[in-house]
């Protein structure tokens, strides 16, 4: 860089540049689908919070509500998302990281 100029790179780009990784985007799509089953749990928690009569207005209230919902949650409600992972991964591989129905 000239004259000490700083160039802001995204973290992934900075790592790829530092490690001299080329062709990275060929096997790691820029916006790969998020298949993590915990996202279904967070979606459920968010939906429950938006349905509340008294919406949490402070960080402490929000933390308590999220903890209460977490304690109330039945993990078996989300087992289907875990069991479907092999099928979802096959689809992502088949589409080379592109959009899927998931």
Protein backbone atom coordinates (compact mmCIF):
# COMPACT_ATOMS: atom_id res chain seq x y z
CA UNK A 1 0.00 0.00 0.00
CA UNK A 2 1.20 3.45 -0.81
CA UNK A 3 1.84 6.13 1.80
CA UNK A 4 0.45 4.00 4.64
CA UNK A 5 -3.05 4.06 3.12
CA UNK A 6 -5.38 1.61 4.78
CA UNK A 7 -7.62 -0.59 2.72
CA UNK A 8 -10.67 -2.03 4.41
CA UNK A 9 -11.35 -5.58 3.36
CA UNK A 10 -14.09 -7.81 4.65
CA UNK A 11 -12.78 -10.38 7.12
CA UNK A 12 -13.07 -13.28 4.66
CA UNK A 13 -11.28 -11.32 1.93
CA UNK A 14 -8.54 -10.28 4.34
CA UNK A 15 -7.97 -13.89 5.40
CA UNK A 16 -7.94 -15.12 1.80
CA UNK A 17 -5.46 -12.38 0.88
CA UNK A 18 -3.24 -13.06 3.90
CA UNK A 19 -3.19 -16.80 3.17
CA UNK A 20 -2.90 -16.24 -0.59
CA UNK A 21 -5.98 -18.35 -1.28
CA UNK A 22 -7.16 -18.12 -4.86
CA UNK A 23 -10.24 -19.63 -6.46
CA UNK A 24 -11.90 -19.67 -3.06
CA UNK A 25 -15.27 -18.66 -4.46
CA UNK A 26 -15.34 -21.72 -6.69
CA UNK A 27 -15.95 -24.01 -3.73
CA UNK A 28 -17.33 -21.63 -1.10
CA UNK A 29 -20.35 -19.71 -2.34
CA UNK A 30 -20.59 -16.06 -1.26
CA UNK A 31 -24.03 -16.56 0.25
CA UNK A 32 -24.35 -20.22 1.10
CA UNK A 33 -27.65 -21.34 2.62
CA UNK A 34 -27.78 -21.31 6.41
CA UNK A 35 -28.77 -24.85 7.31
CA UNK A 36 -28.01 -24.65 11.01
CA UNK A 37 -31.04 -26.04 12.89
CA UNK A 38 -30.58 -23.45 15.66
CA UNK A 39 -31.87 -20.84 13.20
CA UNK A 40 -35.29 -22.54 13.42
CA UNK A 41 -35.17 -22.15 17.20
CA UNK A 42 -34.28 -18.45 16.95
CA UNK A 43 -37.11 -17.94 14.45
CA UNK A 44 -39.53 -19.58 16.91
CA UNK A 45 -38.27 -17.38 19.77
CA UNK A 46 -38.58 -14.23 17.64
CA UNK A 47 -42.14 -15.15 16.63
CA UNK A 48 -43.11 -15.76 20.26
CA UNK A 49 -41.63 -12.40 21.31
CA UNK A 50 -43.51 -10.50 18.60
CA UNK A 51 -46.78 -12.11 19.82
CA UNK A 52 -46.29 -10.93 23.41
CA UNK A 53 -48.71 -8.43 24.90
CA UNK A 54 -45.89 -6.67 26.75
CA UNK A 55 -42.88 -6.39 24.47
CA UNK A 56 -39.50 -6.31 26.27
CA UNK A 57 -38.14 -2.77 26.24
CA UNK A 58 -34.76 -3.19 27.92
CA UNK A 59 -31.85 -5.50 27.28
CA UNK A 60 -32.36 -7.15 30.66
CA UNK A 61 -36.04 -7.78 29.92
CA UNK A 62 -35.15 -9.22 26.51
CA UNK A 63 -32.54 -11.51 28.01
CA UNK A 64 -35.05 -12.76 30.57
CA UNK A 65 -37.75 -13.34 27.94
CA UNK A 66 -35.33 -15.24 25.70
CA UNK A 67 -34.16 -17.35 28.66
CA UNK A 68 -37.76 -18.10 29.67
CA UNK A 69 -38.66 -19.12 26.12
CA UNK A 70 -35.50 -21.21 25.86
CA UNK A 71 -36.47 -23.03 29.07
CA UNK A 72 -40.03 -23.51 27.79
CA UNK A 73 -38.97 -24.83 24.38
CA UNK A 74 -39.43 -28.49 23.61
CA UNK A 75 -36.28 -29.54 21.72
CA UNK A 76 -38.14 -32.42 20.07
CA UNK A 77 -40.20 -29.83 18.21
CA UNK A 78 -37.09 -29.17 16.10
CA UNK A 79 -35.82 -32.75 15.67
CA UNK A 80 -37.15 -32.92 12.11
CA UNK A 81 -34.71 -30.16 11.13
CA UNK A 82 -31.80 -32.17 12.48
CA UNK A 83 -32.95 -35.41 10.89
CA UNK A 84 -33.34 -33.71 7.50
CA UNK A 85 -29.72 -32.47 7.45
CA UNK A 86 -28.33 -35.24 5.18
CA UNK A 87 -31.00 -34.50 2.56
CA UNK A 88 -30.40 -30.75 2.81
CA UNK A 89 -26.63 -31.15 2.51
CA UNK A 90 -27.03 -33.38 -0.56
CA UNK A 91 -29.18 -30.68 -2.16
CA UNK A 92 -26.63 -27.95 -1.38
CA UNK A 93 -23.84 -30.07 -2.86
CA UNK A 94 -25.96 -30.89 -5.92
CA UNK A 95 -26.62 -27.16 -6.47
CA UNK A 96 -22.98 -26.31 -5.75
CA UNK A 97 -23.93 -23.95 -2.94
CA UNK A 98 -26.67 -22.23 -4.87
CA UNK A 99 -30.22 -21.57 -3.76
CA UNK A 100 -32.24 -24.50 -2.47
CA UNK A 101 -35.82 -24.92 -1.29
CA UNK A 102 -34.48 -24.90 2.27
